[in-house]
Amino acid sequence: MSGKEGSGGFRKRKHDNFPHGQRREEKENVNPPSALMASFKSFQLELDSRHDKYERLVKLSRDITIESKRTIFLLHRFTSAPNGEEILSESEVKLDAVRRKIKQVAQELIGEDMYQFHRAISPGLQEYVEAVSFQYFIKTRSLISVEEINKQLIFTAEDREETTNMTSNSHDKQPHTWSLKVTPVDYLLGVADLTGELMRLCISSVGNGDIDTPFELSQFLRQIYDGFTFIGNTGPYEVSKKLYTLKQSLAKVENACYTLKVRGSEIPKHMLADVFSTKTELIDQEEGLP
């Protein structure tokens, strides 16, 4: 080992003899502005703007999810409210507020590939599909189609100020109409979540002494379940994952119908909900559900 290496075994580098200021000047001179550095700078700005847009879409999706859940909670009061029309009109106001949030999402995605940001907005769209389909079922006792949902998601500029802000650049004018399409996967996942709300609607209906709604819900859920079984494992992973939960909701509703059919005449109406809740808890325990 030479004396230059020292006791630690590290060799002294040649440029260590130069002053620090001189090394800094040389480092700056090594990387002068070039076309390559300008390209990477533009890449950095593009990635930063894309990440910022993704975060804005995530926040909008959370707001859409929260407002949609509040609409669903409101609609569950329909069976027990003295005036159901007021509940429906109030839910429509809440859904309009949700659509205004979706309009902001559509404006963010102008000129962008929606599927690049789909993961950010998918949870909110699924919750919106669940809320609007739940309201549609209460009104019409049928399932809303994805085409009808997408028709509600076509927006236009409301005033000149908004149009002026969106068309500030004369060379890159934005359209006056925005739209956001719910994908088939988001629609299916939203409908799968709807079955859980229909199961809760069945419970509340039994508690209010309504013995006709559970049988109607049973037939409706059976049709949805049959439709999902046609997809099976050939569809997206998320859809097949929801199939088990859908089956559980159907089993609970069918159990309620069995209880009403066999023992409905023996049990007073105000006790039907307690009997149904007990049987539901037994089903959950047998299948290991929390």
C-alpha atoms as a PDB file:
ATOM      1  CA  MET A   1       0.000   0.000   0.000  1.00  0.00           C
ATOM      2  CA  SER A   2       1.526   3.357  -1.026  1.00  0.00           C
ATOM      3  CA  GLY A   3       1.639   6.451   1.104  1.00  0.00           C
ATOM      4  CA  LYS A   4      -0.863   8.221  -1.099  1.00  0.00           C
ATOM      5  CA  GLU A   5      -3.536   5.644  -0.364  1.00  0.00           C
ATOM      6  CA  GLY A   6      -3.375   6.225   3.375  1.00  0.00           C
ATOM      7  CA  SER A   7      -4.460   3.879   6.132  1.00  0.00           C
ATOM      8  CA  GLY A   8      -8.033   3.681   4.837  1.00  0.00           C
ATOM      9  CA  GLY A   9      -7.031   2.315   1.450  1.00  0.00           C
ATOM     10  CA  PHE A  10      -8.599   5.174  -0.566  1.00  0.00           C
ATOM     11  CA  ARG A  11      -6.634   6.792  -3.348  1.00  0.00           C
ATOM     12  CA  LYS A  12      -6.625  10.529  -3.731  1.00  0.00           C
ATOM     13  CA  ARG A  13      -8.274  11.720  -6.946  1.00  0.00           C
ATOM     14  CA  LYS A  14      -6.361  14.052  -9.216  1.00  0.00           C
ATOM     15  CA  HIS A  15      -8.966  16.832  -9.278  1.00  0.00           C
ATOM     16  CA  ASP A  16      -8.990  17.012  -5.483  1.00  0.00           C
ATOM     17  CA  ASN A  17      -5.945  19.278  -5.763  1.00  0.00           C
ATOM     18  CA  PHE A  18      -8.020  21.949  -7.577  1.00  0.00           C
ATOM     19  CA  PRO A  19      -9.959  24.615  -5.640  1.00  0.00           C
ATOM     20  CA  HIS A  20     -13.693  24.012  -5.193  1.00  0.00           C
ATOM     21  CA  GLY A  21     -14.639  27.161  -7.110  1.00  0.00           C
ATOM     22  CA  GLN A  22     -12.674  26.081 -10.150  1.00  0.00           C
ATOM     23  CA  ARG A  23     -14.346  22.641 -10.109  1.00  0.00           C
ATOM     24  CA  ARG A  24     -17.795  24.269  -9.935  1.00  0.00           C
ATOM     25  CA  GLU A  25     -17.034  26.452 -12.952  1.00  0.00           C
ATOM     26  CA  GLU A  26     -15.812  23.455 -14.907  1.00  0.00           C
ATOM     27  CA  LYS A  27     -18.997  21.518 -13.993  1.00  0.00           C
ATOM     28  CA  GLU A  28     -21.168  24.334 -15.261  1.00  0.00           C
ATOM     29  CA  ASN A  29     -19.210  24.536 -18.460  1.00  0.00           C
ATOM     30  CA  VAL A  30     -19.546  20.786 -19.039  1.00  0.00           C
ATOM     31  CA  ASN A  31     -23.385  21.015 -19.263  1.00  0.00           C
ATOM     32  CA  PRO A  32     -24.149  24.030 -21.430  1.00  0.00           C
ATOM     33  CA  PRO A  33     -27.725  24.547 -22.709  1.00  0.00           C
ATOM     34  CA  SER A  34     -28.333  22.129 -25.561  1.00  0.00           C
ATOM     35  CA  ALA A  35     -31.193  20.686 -27.581  1.00  0.00           C
ATOM     36  CA  LEU A  36     -31.046  17.511 -25.499  1.00  0.00           C
ATOM     37  CA  MET A  37     -31.375  19.366 -22.197  1.00  0.00           C
ATOM     38  CA  ALA A  38     -34.210  21.454 -23.646  1.00  0.00           C
ATOM     39  CA  SER A  39     -36.018  18.273 -24.643  1.00  0.00           C
ATOM     40  CA  PHE A  40     -35.740  16.811 -21.146  1.00  0.00           C
ATOM     41  CA  LYS A  41     -36.935  20.105 -19.685  1.00  0.00           C
ATOM     42  CA  SER A  42     -40.046  19.933 -21.869  1.00  0.00           C
ATOM     43  CA  PHE A  43     -40.561  16.312 -20.793  1.00  0.00           C
ATOM     44  CA  GLN A  44     -40.370  17.413 -17.165  1.00  0.00           C
ATOM     45  CA  LEU A  45     -42.984  20.133 -17.667  1.00  0.00           C
ATOM     46  CA  GLU A  46     -45.296  17.746 -19.502  1.00  0.00           C
ATOM     47  CA  LEU A  47     -45.028  15.073 -16.798  1.00  0.00           C
ATOM     48  CA  ASP A  48     -45.583  17.630 -14.030  1.00  0.00           C
ATOM     49  CA  SER A  49     -48.713  18.977 -15.729  1.00  0.00           C
ATOM     50  CA  ARG A  50     -49.998  15.442 -16.268  1.00  0.00           C
ATOM     51  CA  HIS A  51     -49.440  14.511 -12.636  1.00  0.00           C
ATOM     52  CA  ASP A  52     -51.156  17.702 -11.480  1.00  0.00           C
ATOM     53  CA  LYS A  53     -54.139  16.919 -13.701  1.00  0.00           C
ATOM     54  CA  TYR A  54     -54.266  13.364 -12.339  1.00  0.00           C
ATOM     55  CA  GLU A  55     -54.389  14.689  -8.774  1.00  0.00           C
ATOM     56  CA  ARG A  56     -57.168  17.126  -9.666  1.00  0.00           C
ATOM     57  CA  LEU A  57     -59.173  14.266 -11.190  1.00  0.00           C
ATOM     58  CA  VAL A  58     -58.653  12.147  -8.068  1.00  0.00           C
ATOM     59  CA  LYS A  59     -60.047  14.952  -5.901  1.00  0.00           C
ATOM     60  CA  LEU A  60     -63.044  15.389  -8.215  1.00  0.00           C
ATOM     61  CA  SER A  61     -63.657  11.644  -8.141  1.00  0.00           C
ATOM     62  CA  ARG A  62     -63.701  11.716  -4.340  1.00  0.00           C
ATOM     63  CA  ASP A  63     -66.235  14.551  -4.363  1.00  0.00           C
ATOM     64  CA  ILE A  64     -68.396  12.613  -6.836  1.00  0.00           C
ATOM     65  CA  THR A  65     -68.216   9.524  -4.621  1.00  0.00           C
ATOM     66  CA  ILE A  66     -69.192  11.441  -1.479  1.00  0.00           C
ATOM     67  CA  GLU A  67     -72.150  13.216  -3.086  1.00  0.00           C
ATOM     68  CA  SER A  68     -73.360  10.003  -4.734  1.00  0.00           C
ATOM     69  CA  LYS A  69     -73.291   8.188  -1.390  1.00  0.00           C
ATOM     70  CA  ARG A  70     -75.320  10.974   0.179  1.00  0.00           C
ATOM     71  CA  THR A  71     -77.870  10.611  -2.615  1.00  0.00           C
ATOM     72  CA  ILE A  72     -78.123   6.872  -1.959  1.00  0.00           C
ATOM     73  CA  PHE A  73     -78.626   7.445   1.776  1.00  0.00           C
ATOM     74  CA  LEU A  74     -81.377   9.926   0.942  1.00  0.00           C
ATOM     75  CA  LEU A  75     -83.132   7.495  -1.395  1.00  0.00           C
ATOM     76  CA  HIS A  76     -83.247   4.837   1.327  1.00  0.00           C
ATOM     77  CA  ARG A  77     -85.685   7.106   3.155  1.00  0.00           C
ATOM     78  CA  PHE A  78     -88.146   6.741   0.290  1.00  0.00           C
ATOM     79  CA  THR A  79     -89.919   3.708   1.783  1.00  0.00           C
ATOM     80  CA  SER A  80     -90.482   5.319   5.177  1.00  0.00           C
ATOM     81  CA  ALA A  81     -91.040   8.951   4.139  1.00  0.00           C
ATOM     82  CA  PRO A  82     -94.663  10.172   4.119  1.00  0.00           C
ATOM     83  CA  ASN A  83     -94.112  11.988   0.805  1.00  0.00           C
ATOM     84  CA  GLY A  84     -91.817  10.057  -1.487  1.00  0.00           C
ATOM     85  CA  GLU A  85     -91.964  12.652  -4.269  1.00  0.00           C
ATOM     86  CA  GLU A  86     -90.085  15.130  -2.106  1.00  0.00           C
ATOM     87  CA  ILE A  87     -87.328  12.576  -1.601  1.00  0.00           C
ATOM     88  CA  LEU A  88     -87.088  11.990  -5.360  1.00  0.00           C
ATOM     89  CA  SER A  89     -86.985  15.698  -6.164  1.00  0.00           C
ATOM     90  CA  GLU A  90     -84.318  16.291  -3.528  1.00  0.00           C
ATOM     91  CA  SER A  91     -82.279  13.391  -4.891  1.00  0.00           C
ATOM     92  CA  GLU A  92     -82.511  14.898  -8.367  1.00  0.00           C
ATOM     93  CA  VAL A  93     -81.024  18.137  -7.025  1.00  0.00           C
ATOM     94  CA  LYS A  94     -78.148  16.196  -5.483  1.00  0.00           C
ATOM     95  CA  LEU A  95     -77.540  14.275  -8.708  1.00  0.00           C
ATOM     96  CA  ASP A  96     -77.441  17.568 -10.629  1.00  0.00           C
ATOM     97  CA  ALA A  97     -74.675  18.695  -8.278  1.00  0.00           C
ATOM     98  CA  VAL A  98     -72.834  15.442  -8.987  1.00  0.00           C
ATOM     99  CA  ARG A  99     -73.163  16.031 -12.738  1.00  0.00           C
ATOM    100  CA  ARG A 100     -71.617  19.472 -12.326  1.00  0.00           C
ATOM    101  CA  LYS A 101     -68.596  17.745 -10.795  1.00  0.00           C
ATOM    102  CA  ILE A 102     -68.536  15.303 -13.694  1.00  0.00           C
ATOM    103  CA  LYS A 103     -68.642  18.287 -16.047  1.00  0.00           C
ATOM    104  CA  GLN A 104     -65.420  19.532 -14.466  1.00  0.00           C
ATOM    105  CA  VAL A 105     -63.916  16.111 -15.114  1.00  0.00           C
ATOM    106  CA  ALA A 106     -64.998  16.309 -18.758  1.00  0.00           C
ATOM    107  CA  GLN A 107     -63.379  19.735 -19.080  1.00  0.00           C
ATOM    108  CA  GLU A 108     -60.137  18.411 -17.604  1.00  0.00           C
ATOM    109  CA  LEU A 109     -60.104  15.600 -20.156  1.00  0.00           C
ATOM    110  CA  ILE A 110     -60.551  17.798 -23.245  1.00  0.00           C
ATOM    111  CA  GLY A 111     -57.847  16.814 -25.712  1.00  0.00           C
ATOM    112  CA  GLU A 112     -56.717  13.917 -23.494  1.00  0.00           C
ATOM    113  CA  ASP A 113     -57.060  10.166 -23.754  1.00  0.00           C
ATOM    114  CA  MET A 114     -59.600   9.312 -21.065  1.00  0.00           C
ATOM    115  CA  TYR A 115     -58.145   5.846 -20.518  1.00  0.00           C
ATOM    116  CA  GLN A 116     -54.831   7.353 -19.364  1.00  0.00           C
ATOM    117  CA  PHE A 117     -56.724   8.897 -16.434  1.00  0.00           C
ATOM    118  CA  HIS A 118     -59.391   6.199 -16.066  1.00  0.00           C
ATOM    119  CA  ARG A 119     -57.989   4.853 -12.806  1.00  0.00           C
ATOM    120  CA  ALA A 120     -58.382   8.298 -11.227  1.00  0.00           C
ATOM    121  CA  ILE A 121     -62.067   8.779 -12.145  1.00  0.00           C
ATOM    122  CA  SER A 122     -63.362   5.198 -12.156  1.00  0.00           C
ATOM    123  CA  PRO A 123     -64.412   5.013  -8.445  1.00  0.00           C
ATOM    124  CA  GLY A 124     -66.476   8.181  -8.744  1.00  0.00           C
ATOM    125  CA  LEU A 125     -68.179   7.049 -11.952  1.00  0.00           C
ATOM    126  CA  GLN A 126     -69.071   3.685 -10.415  1.00  0.00           C
ATOM    127  CA  GLU A 127     -70.648   5.377  -7.420  1.00  0.00           C
ATOM    128  CA  TYR A 128     -72.564   7.752  -9.690  1.00  0.00           C
ATOM    129  CA  VAL A 129     -73.899   4.808 -11.728  1.00  0.00           C
ATOM    130  CA  GLU A 130     -75.015   3.172  -8.494  1.00  0.00           C
ATOM    131  CA  ALA A 131     -76.833   6.313  -7.332  1.00  0.00           C
ATOM    132  CA  VAL A 132     -78.547   7.155 -10.627  1.00  0.00           C
ATOM    133  CA  SER A 133     -79.580   3.520 -11.239  1.00  0.00           C
ATOM    134  CA  PHE A 134     -80.984   3.297  -7.697  1.00  0.00           C
ATOM    135  CA  GLN A 135     -83.085   6.406  -8.283  1.00  0.00           C
ATOM    136  CA  TYR A 136     -84.183   5.089 -11.683  1.00  0.00           C
ATOM    137  CA  PHE A 137     -85.277   1.781 -10.156  1.00  0.00           C
ATOM    138  CA  ILE A 138     -87.353   3.495  -7.481  1.00  0.00           C
ATOM    139  CA  LYS A 139     -89.081   5.531 -10.182  1.00  0.00           C
ATOM    140  CA  THR A 140     -89.617   2.901 -12.881  1.00  0.00           C
ATOM    141  CA  ARG A 141     -88.844  -0.486 -11.264  1.00  0.00           C
ATOM    142  CA  SER A 142     -86.383  -1.181 -14.094  1.00  0.00           C
ATOM    143  CA  LEU A 143     -82.663  -0.901 -14.805  1.00  0.00           C
ATOM    144  CA  ILE A 144     -81.266   2.177 -16.504  1.00  0.00           C
ATOM    145  CA  SER A 145     -79.101   1.548 -19.562  1.00  0.00           C
ATOM    146  CA  VAL A 146     -75.588   2.857 -20.082  1.00  0.00           C
ATOM    147  CA  GLU A 147     -76.821   4.841 -23.090  1.00  0.00           C
ATOM    148  CA  GLU A 148     -79.338   6.727 -20.934  1.00  0.00           C
ATOM    149  CA  ILE A 149     -76.636   7.466 -18.368  1.00  0.00           C
ATOM    150  CA  ASN A 150     -74.300   8.839 -21.026  1.00  0.00           C
ATOM    151  CA  LYS A 151     -77.062  11.063 -22.423  1.00  0.00           C
ATOM    152  CA  GLN A 152     -77.182  12.800 -19.046  1.00  0.00           C
ATOM    153  CA  LEU A 153     -73.430  13.441 -19.195  1.00  0.00           C
ATOM    154  CA  ILE A 154     -73.459  15.787 -22.197  1.00  0.00           C
ATOM    155  CA  PHE A 155     -72.811  19.359 -21.058  1.00  0.00           C
ATOM    156  CA  THR A 156     -72.865  22.779 -22.679  1.00  0.00           C
ATOM    157  CA  ALA A 157     -71.424  26.144 -21.664  1.00  0.00           C
ATOM    158  CA  GLU A 158     -73.853  27.938 -19.346  1.00  0.00           C
ATOM    159  CA  ASP A 159     -72.707  31.520 -19.813  1.00  0.00           C
ATOM    160  CA  ARG A 160     -70.403  33.688 -21.874  1.00  0.00           C
ATOM    161  CA  GLU A 161     -67.811  34.026 -19.139  1.00  0.00           C
ATOM    162  CA  GLU A 162     -67.272  30.290 -18.993  1.00  0.00           C
ATOM    163  CA  THR A 163     -67.101  30.102 -22.766  1.00  0.00           C
ATOM    164  CA  THR A 164     -64.603  32.973 -22.855  1.00  0.00           C
ATOM    165  CA  ASN A 165     -62.367  31.294 -20.301  1.00  0.00           C
ATOM    166  CA  MET A 166     -62.398  28.035 -22.220  1.00  0.00           C
ATOM    167  CA  THR A 167     -61.726  29.747 -25.572  1.00  0.00           C
ATOM    168  CA  SER A 168     -59.097  32.267 -24.521  1.00  0.00           C
ATOM    169  CA  ASN A 169     -56.611  31.024 -27.122  1.00  0.00           C
ATOM    170  CA  SER A 170     -57.837  31.876 -30.607  1.00  0.00           C
ATOM    171  CA  HIS A 171     -55.527  29.327 -32.237  1.00  0.00           C
ATOM    172  CA  ASP A 172     -56.757  26.509 -29.999  1.00  0.00           C
ATOM    173  CA  LYS A 173     -60.477  27.001 -29.494  1.00  0.00           C
ATOM    174  CA  GLN A 174     -62.258  24.549 -27.222  1.00  0.00           C
ATOM    175  CA  PRO A 175     -65.695  23.170 -28.090  1.00  0.00           C
ATOM    176  CA  HIS A 176     -68.785  24.512 -26.392  1.00  0.00           C
ATOM    177  CA  THR A 177     -70.003  21.001 -25.577  1.00  0.00           C
ATOM    178  CA  TRP A 178     -68.367  18.530 -23.234  1.00  0.00           C
ATOM    179  CA  SER A 179     -69.237  14.897 -22.663  1.00  0.00           C
ATOM    180  CA  LEU A 180     -67.942  12.050 -20.542  1.00  0.00           C
ATOM    181  CA  LYS A 181     -68.858   8.485 -21.373  1.00  0.00           C
ATOM    182  CA  VAL A 182     -69.231   5.837 -18.703  1.00  0.00           C
ATOM    183  CA  THR A 183     -67.308   2.770 -19.820  1.00  0.00           C
ATOM    184  CA  PRO A 184     -69.063  -0.631 -19.905  1.00  0.00           C
ATOM    185  CA  VAL A 185     -66.866  -1.888 -17.059  1.00  0.00           C
ATOM    186  CA  ASP A 186     -67.744   1.068 -14.812  1.00  0.00           C
ATOM    187  CA  TYR A 187     -71.414   0.538 -15.652  1.00  0.00           C
ATOM    188  CA  LEU A 188     -71.283  -3.160 -14.735  1.00  0.00           C
ATOM    189  CA  LEU A 189     -69.440  -2.473 -11.483  1.00  0.00           C
ATOM    190  CA  GLY A 190     -71.962   0.206 -10.567  1.00  0.00           C
ATOM    191  CA  VAL A 191     -74.874  -2.148 -11.263  1.00  0.00           C
ATOM    192  CA  ALA A 192     -73.194  -4.846  -9.165  1.00  0.00           C
ATOM    193  CA  ASP A 193     -72.995  -2.384  -6.250  1.00  0.00           C
ATOM    194  CA  LEU A 194     -76.646  -1.497  -6.842  1.00  0.00           C
ATOM    195  CA  THR A 195     -77.679  -5.005  -5.784  1.00  0.00           C
ATOM    196  CA  GLY A 196     -76.444  -4.320  -2.256  1.00  0.00           C
ATOM    197  CA  GLU A 197     -78.611  -1.217  -2.035  1.00  0.00           C
ATOM    198  CA  LEU A 198     -81.610  -3.168  -3.326  1.00  0.00           C
ATOM    199  CA  MET A 199     -81.026  -5.764  -0.615  1.00  0.00           C
ATOM    200  CA  ARG A 200     -81.104  -2.975   1.998  1.00  0.00           C
ATOM    201  CA  LEU A 201     -84.245  -1.616   0.362  1.00  0.00           C
ATOM    202  CA  CYS A 202     -85.795  -5.049   0.824  1.00  0.00           C
ATOM    203  CA  ILE A 203     -84.965  -5.005   4.534  1.00  0.00           C
ATOM    204  CA  SER A 204     -86.467  -1.558   5.048  1.00  0.00           C
ATOM    205  CA  SER A 205     -89.568  -2.536   3.054  1.00  0.00           C
ATOM    206  CA  VAL A 206     -90.160  -5.564   5.270  1.00  0.00           C
ATOM    207  CA  GLY A 207     -89.719  -3.390   8.339  1.00  0.00           C
ATOM    208  CA  ASN A 208     -92.424  -1.039   7.030  1.00  0.00           C
ATOM    209  CA  GLY A 209     -94.840  -3.926   6.477  1.00  0.00           C
ATOM    210  CA  ASP A 210     -94.486  -3.992   2.687  1.00  0.00           C
ATOM    211  CA  ILE A 211     -94.613  -7.656   1.670  1.00  0.00           C
ATOM    212  CA  ASP A 212     -94.820  -7.096  -2.098  1.00  0.00           C
ATOM    213  CA  THR A 213     -91.524  -5.265  -2.690  1.00  0.00           C
ATOM    214  CA  PRO A 214     -89.278  -8.182  -1.559  1.00  0.00           C
ATOM    215  CA  PHE A 215     -90.785 -10.521  -4.177  1.00  0.00           C
ATOM    216  CA  GLU A 216     -90.384  -7.838  -6.856  1.00  0.00           C
ATOM    217  CA  LEU A 217     -86.777  -7.255  -5.834  1.00  0.00           C
ATOM    218  CA  SER A 218     -86.099 -10.981  -5.850  1.00  0.00           C
ATOM    219  CA  GLN A 219     -87.143 -11.309  -9.480  1.00  0.00           C
ATOM    220  CA  PHE A 220     -85.173  -8.211 -10.459  1.00  0.00           C
ATOM    221  CA  LEU A 221     -82.004  -9.357  -8.697  1.00  0.00           C
ATOM    222  CA  ARG A 222     -82.337 -12.816 -10.229  1.00  0.00           C
ATOM    223  CA  GLN A 223     -82.354 -11.247 -13.708  1.00  0.00           C
ATOM    224  CA  ILE A 224     -79.256  -9.198 -12.912  1.00  0.00           C
ATOM    225  CA  TYR A 225     -77.490 -12.250 -11.505  1.00  0.00           C
ATOM    226  CA  ASP A 226     -78.339 -14.294 -14.598  1.00  0.00           C
ATOM    227  CA  GLY A 227     -76.890 -11.521 -16.752  1.00  0.00           C
ATOM    228  CA  PHE A 228     -73.640 -11.473 -14.785  1.00  0.00           C
ATOM    229  CA  THR A 229     -73.308 -15.255 -14.951  1.00  0.00           C
ATOM    230  CA  PHE A 230     -73.260 -14.990 -18.755  1.00  0.00           C
ATOM    231  CA  ILE A 231     -70.111 -12.886 -18.387  1.00  0.00           C
ATOM    232  CA  GLY A 232     -68.558 -15.253 -15.860  1.00  0.00           C
ATOM    233  CA  ASN A 233     -64.769 -15.357 -15.813  1.00  0.00           C
ATOM    234  CA  THR A 234     -64.487 -14.064 -19.380  1.00  0.00           C
ATOM    235  CA  GLY A 235     -65.019 -10.450 -18.322  1.00  0.00           C
ATOM    236  CA  PRO A 236     -62.714  -8.116 -16.393  1.00  0.00           C
ATOM    237  CA  TYR A 237     -61.370  -9.282 -13.059  1.00  0.00           C
ATOM    238  CA  GLU A 238     -63.292  -6.630 -11.130  1.00  0.00           C
ATOM    239  CA  VAL A 239     -66.610  -7.846 -12.581  1.00  0.00           C
ATOM    240  CA  SER A 240     -66.033 -11.479 -11.634  1.00  0.00           C
ATOM    241  CA  LYS A 241     -64.958 -10.330  -8.174  1.00  0.00           C
ATOM    242  CA  LYS A 242     -68.298  -8.571  -7.668  1.00  0.00           C
ATOM    243  CA  LEU A 243     -70.241 -11.681  -8.670  1.00  0.00           C
ATOM    244  CA  TYR A 244     -69.870 -13.290  -5.237  1.00  0.00           C
ATOM    245  CA  THR A 245     -71.226 -10.217  -3.439  1.00  0.00           C
ATOM    246  CA  LEU A 246     -74.114 -10.086  -5.891  1.00  0.00           C
ATOM    247  CA  LYS A 247     -74.923 -13.717  -5.107  1.00  0.00           C
ATOM    248  CA  GLN A 248     -74.958 -12.934  -1.383  1.00  0.00           C
ATOM    249  CA  SER A 249     -77.424 -10.079  -1.851  1.00  0.00           C
ATOM    250  CA  LEU A 250     -79.690 -12.307  -3.932  1.00  0.00           C
ATOM    251  CA  ALA A 251     -79.578 -15.058  -1.304  1.00  0.00           C
ATOM    252  CA  LYS A 252     -80.615 -12.647   1.458  1.00  0.00           C
ATOM    253  CA  VAL A 253     -83.546 -11.311  -0.560  1.00  0.00           C
ATOM    254  CA  GLU A 254     -84.695 -14.815  -1.489  1.00  0.00           C
ATOM    255  CA  ASN A 255     -84.463 -15.807   2.167  1.00  0.00           C
ATOM    256  CA  ALA A 256     -86.733 -12.872   3.019  1.00  0.00           C
ATOM    257  CA  CYS A 257     -89.234 -13.990   0.388  1.00  0.00           C
ATOM    258  CA  TYR A 258     -89.160 -17.531   1.765  1.00  0.00           C
ATOM    259  CA  THR A 259     -89.822 -16.247   5.278  1.00  0.00           C
ATOM    260  CA  LEU A 260     -92.696 -14.081   4.078  1.00  0.00           C
ATOM    261  CA  LYS A 261     -94.226 -16.864   2.015  1.00  0.00           C
ATOM    262  CA  VAL A 262     -93.992 -19.630   4.593  1.00  0.00           C
ATOM    263  CA  ARG A 263     -94.420 -17.769   7.866  1.00  0.00           C
ATOM    264  CA  GLY A 264     -95.817 -14.443   6.747  1.00  0.00           C
ATOM    265  CA  SER A 265     -99.310 -15.216   7.956  1.00  0.00           C
ATOM    266  CA  GLU A 266     -98.033 -16.372  11.339  1.00  0.00           C
ATOM    267  CA  ILE A 267     -95.787 -13.424  12.159  1.00  0.00           C
ATOM    268  CA  PRO A 268     -97.153  -9.906  12.771  1.00  0.00           C
ATOM    269  CA  LYS A 269     -95.966  -7.334  10.276  1.00  0.00           C
ATOM    270  CA  HIS A 270     -94.015  -5.336  12.855  1.00  0.00           C
ATOM    271  CA  MET A 271     -91.958  -8.462  13.706  1.00  0.00           C
ATOM    272  CA  LEU A 272     -91.107  -9.512  10.148  1.00  0.00           C
ATOM    273  CA  ALA A 273     -88.042  -7.285  10.014  1.00  0.00           C
ATOM    274  CA  ASP A 274     -86.633  -8.853  13.204  1.00  0.00           C
ATOM    275  CA  VAL A 275     -87.117 -12.369  11.876  1.00  0.00           C
ATOM    276  CA  PHE A 276     -85.514 -11.465   8.571  1.00  0.00           C
ATOM    277  CA  SER A 277     -82.537  -9.785  10.271  1.00  0.00           C
ATOM    278  CA  THR A 278     -81.948 -12.868  12.413  1.00  0.00           C
ATOM    279  CA  LYS A 279     -81.928 -15.177   9.387  1.00  0.00           C
ATOM    280  CA  THR A 280     -79.592 -12.802   7.540  1.00  0.00           C
ATOM    281  CA  GLU A 281     -77.116 -12.912  10.423  1.00  0.00           C
ATOM    282  CA  LEU A 282     -77.226 -16.723  10.389  1.00  0.00           C
ATOM    283  CA  ILE A 283     -76.436 -16.775   6.654  1.00  0.00           C
ATOM    284  CA  ASP A 284     -73.481 -14.451   7.206  1.00  0.00           C
ATOM    285  CA  GLN A 285     -72.124 -16.637  10.010  1.00  0.00           C
ATOM    286  CA  GLU A 286     -72.418 -19.820   7.963  1.00  0.00           C
ATOM    287  CA  GLU A 287     -70.521 -18.266   5.046  1.00  0.00           C
ATOM    288  CA  GLY A 288     -67.887 -16.604   7.218  1.00  0.00           C
ATOM    289  CA  LEU A 289     -68.882 -13.037   6.526  1.00  0.00           C
ATOM    290  CA  PRO A 290     -68.111 -10.395   9.181  1.00  0.00           C
END
